[in-house]
Amino acid sequence: MEDSTKLLLAYWAVRGRAQAIRYFLEYLGLPYEEKRYQIEKWQEWFEQDKLSCTADFPNLPYLKDGDKIVTETEAIFIYLC
């Protein structure tokens, strides 16, 4: 992980797949921010952010660490380990 960078975790505004990642980030003591997409405002993800996402496979949840973007729950856990 890049030094002195706050991670960004993005997911829908529900617990779902990102909840275990939140627990893990807290356990590791890593500084992070969240972006929670509202279900009723799905266009923000599908019509804006997903199209501009630089990940190879843009999907939720995603973790942004500086210029790096990791998508998919299991891949995020592996990256954090």
C-alpha atoms as a PDB file:
ATOM      1  CA  MET A   1       0.000   0.000   0.000  1.00  0.00           C
ATOM      2  CA  GLU A   2       1.114   3.509  -0.681  1.00  0.00           C
ATOM      3  CA  ASP A   3       2.388   5.457   2.323  1.00  0.00           C
ATOM      4  CA  SER A   4       0.286   8.179   3.962  1.00  0.00           C
ATOM      5  CA  THR A   5      -2.666   7.574   1.673  1.00  0.00           C
ATOM      6  CA  LYS A   6      -6.171   7.097   2.947  1.00  0.00           C
ATOM      7  CA  LEU A   7      -7.879   4.169   1.271  1.00  0.00           C
ATOM      8  CA  LEU A   8     -11.267   4.586  -0.367  1.00  0.00           C
ATOM      9  CA  LEU A   9     -13.787   1.759  -0.084  1.00  0.00           C
ATOM     10  CA  ALA A  10     -16.814   2.045  -2.358  1.00  0.00           C
ATOM     11  CA  TYR A  11     -19.998  -0.032  -2.252  1.00  0.00           C
ATOM     12  CA  TRP A  12     -23.745   0.293  -2.144  1.00  0.00           C
ATOM     13  CA  ALA A  13     -25.210   1.885   0.997  1.00  0.00           C
ATOM     14  CA  VAL A  14     -25.906  -1.522   2.554  1.00  0.00           C
ATOM     15  CA  ARG A  15     -23.777  -3.919   4.591  1.00  0.00           C
ATOM     16  CA  GLY A  16     -23.459  -6.624   1.943  1.00  0.00           C
ATOM     17  CA  ARG A  17     -20.063  -7.707   0.673  1.00  0.00           C
ATOM     18  CA  ALA A  18     -18.260  -4.614   1.896  1.00  0.00           C
ATOM     19  CA  GLN A  19     -19.110  -5.126   5.571  1.00  0.00           C
ATOM     20  CA  ALA A  20     -16.452  -7.794   6.086  1.00  0.00           C
ATOM     21  CA  ILE A  21     -13.936  -5.514   4.352  1.00  0.00           C
ATOM     22  CA  ARG A  22     -14.878  -2.685   6.721  1.00  0.00           C
ATOM     23  CA  TYR A  23     -14.307  -4.977   9.700  1.00  0.00           C
ATOM     24  CA  PHE A  24     -10.944  -6.033   8.295  1.00  0.00           C
ATOM     25  CA  LEU A  25      -9.832  -2.441   7.648  1.00  0.00           C
ATOM     26  CA  GLU A  26     -10.768  -1.542  11.230  1.00  0.00           C
ATOM     27  CA  TYR A  27      -8.938  -4.599  12.564  1.00  0.00           C
ATOM     28  CA  LEU A  28      -5.810  -3.663  10.604  1.00  0.00           C
ATOM     29  CA  GLY A  29      -6.082  -0.052  11.791  1.00  0.00           C
ATOM     30  CA  LEU A  30      -5.821   1.318   8.265  1.00  0.00           C
ATOM     31  CA  PRO A  31      -7.184   4.806   7.603  1.00  0.00           C
ATOM     32  CA  TYR A  32      -9.992   4.726   5.042  1.00  0.00           C
ATOM     33  CA  GLU A  33     -12.951   6.645   3.738  1.00  0.00           C
ATOM     34  CA  GLU A  34     -16.126   5.268   2.254  1.00  0.00           C
ATOM     35  CA  LYS A  35     -18.201   6.089  -0.758  1.00  0.00           C
ATOM     36  CA  ARG A  36     -21.663   4.601  -0.388  1.00  0.00           C
ATOM     37  CA  TYR A  37     -23.788   4.578  -3.502  1.00  0.00           C
ATOM     38  CA  GLN A  38     -27.509   4.999  -2.872  1.00  0.00           C
ATOM     39  CA  ILE A  39     -29.676   2.293  -4.458  1.00  0.00           C
ATOM     40  CA  GLU A  40     -32.271   4.815  -5.583  1.00  0.00           C
ATOM     41  CA  LYS A  41     -29.518   6.896  -7.217  1.00  0.00           C
ATOM     42  CA  TRP A  42     -27.947   3.970  -9.088  1.00  0.00           C
ATOM     43  CA  GLN A  43     -27.085   6.208 -12.041  1.00  0.00           C
ATOM     44  CA  GLU A  44     -24.183   7.686 -10.070  1.00  0.00           C
ATOM     45  CA  TRP A  45     -22.417   4.310 -10.261  1.00  0.00           C
ATOM     46  CA  PHE A  46     -23.643   2.864 -13.552  1.00  0.00           C
ATOM     47  CA  GLU A  47     -23.710   6.013 -15.690  1.00  0.00           C
ATOM     48  CA  GLN A  48     -20.844   8.022 -14.167  1.00  0.00           C
ATOM     49  CA  ASP A  49     -18.286   6.429 -11.875  1.00  0.00           C
ATOM     50  CA  LYS A  50     -18.227   2.959 -13.456  1.00  0.00           C
ATOM     51  CA  LEU A  51     -17.547   4.443 -16.881  1.00  0.00           C
ATOM     52  CA  SER A  52     -14.656   6.551 -15.585  1.00  0.00           C
ATOM     53  CA  CYS A  53     -13.181   3.821 -13.359  1.00  0.00           C
ATOM     54  CA  THR A  54      -9.678   2.822 -14.474  1.00  0.00           C
ATOM     55  CA  ALA A  55      -9.848  -0.719 -13.077  1.00  0.00           C
ATOM     56  CA  ASP A  56      -9.618  -3.605 -15.530  1.00  0.00           C
ATOM     57  CA  PHE A  57     -12.973  -4.915 -14.319  1.00  0.00           C
ATOM     58  CA  PRO A  58     -14.926  -2.053 -12.704  1.00  0.00           C
ATOM     59  CA  ASN A  59     -17.262  -3.489 -10.114  1.00  0.00           C
ATOM     60  CA  LEU A  60     -18.460  -2.963  -6.564  1.00  0.00           C
ATOM     61  CA  PRO A  61     -17.003  -3.161  -4.042  1.00  0.00           C
ATOM     62  CA  TYR A  62     -13.756  -1.513  -4.996  1.00  0.00           C
ATOM     63  CA  LEU A  63     -10.812  -0.314  -2.950  1.00  0.00           C
ATOM     64  CA  LYS A  64      -8.764   2.630  -4.157  1.00  0.00           C
ATOM     65  CA  ASP A  65      -5.223   2.986  -2.871  1.00  0.00           C
ATOM     66  CA  GLY A  66      -3.656   6.003  -4.529  1.00  0.00           C
ATOM     67  CA  ASP A  67      -3.639   5.189  -8.249  1.00  0.00           C
ATOM     68  CA  LYS A  68      -4.425   1.506  -7.706  1.00  0.00           C
ATOM     69  CA  ILE A  69      -7.980   0.208  -7.825  1.00  0.00           C
ATOM     70  CA  VAL A  70      -8.809  -3.312  -6.696  1.00  0.00           C
ATOM     71  CA  THR A  71     -12.262  -4.745  -7.354  1.00  0.00           C
ATOM     72  CA  GLU A  72     -14.041  -7.880  -6.124  1.00  0.00           C
ATOM     73  CA  THR A  73     -14.286  -8.822  -2.453  1.00  0.00           C
ATOM     74  CA  GLU A  74     -11.768 -11.677  -2.405  1.00  0.00           C
ATOM     75  CA  ALA A  75      -9.200  -9.695  -4.395  1.00  0.00           C
ATOM     76  CA  ILE A  76      -9.526  -6.822  -1.917  1.00  0.00           C
ATOM     77  CA  PHE A  77      -8.829  -9.176   1.008  1.00  0.00           C
ATOM     78  CA  ILE A  78      -5.789 -10.595  -0.780  1.00  0.00           C
ATOM     79  CA  TYR A  79      -4.523  -7.086  -1.542  1.00  0.00           C
ATOM     80  CA  LEU A  80      -4.921  -6.003   2.085  1.00  0.00           C
ATOM     81  CA  CYS A  81      -3.091  -9.092   3.342  1.00  0.00           C
END
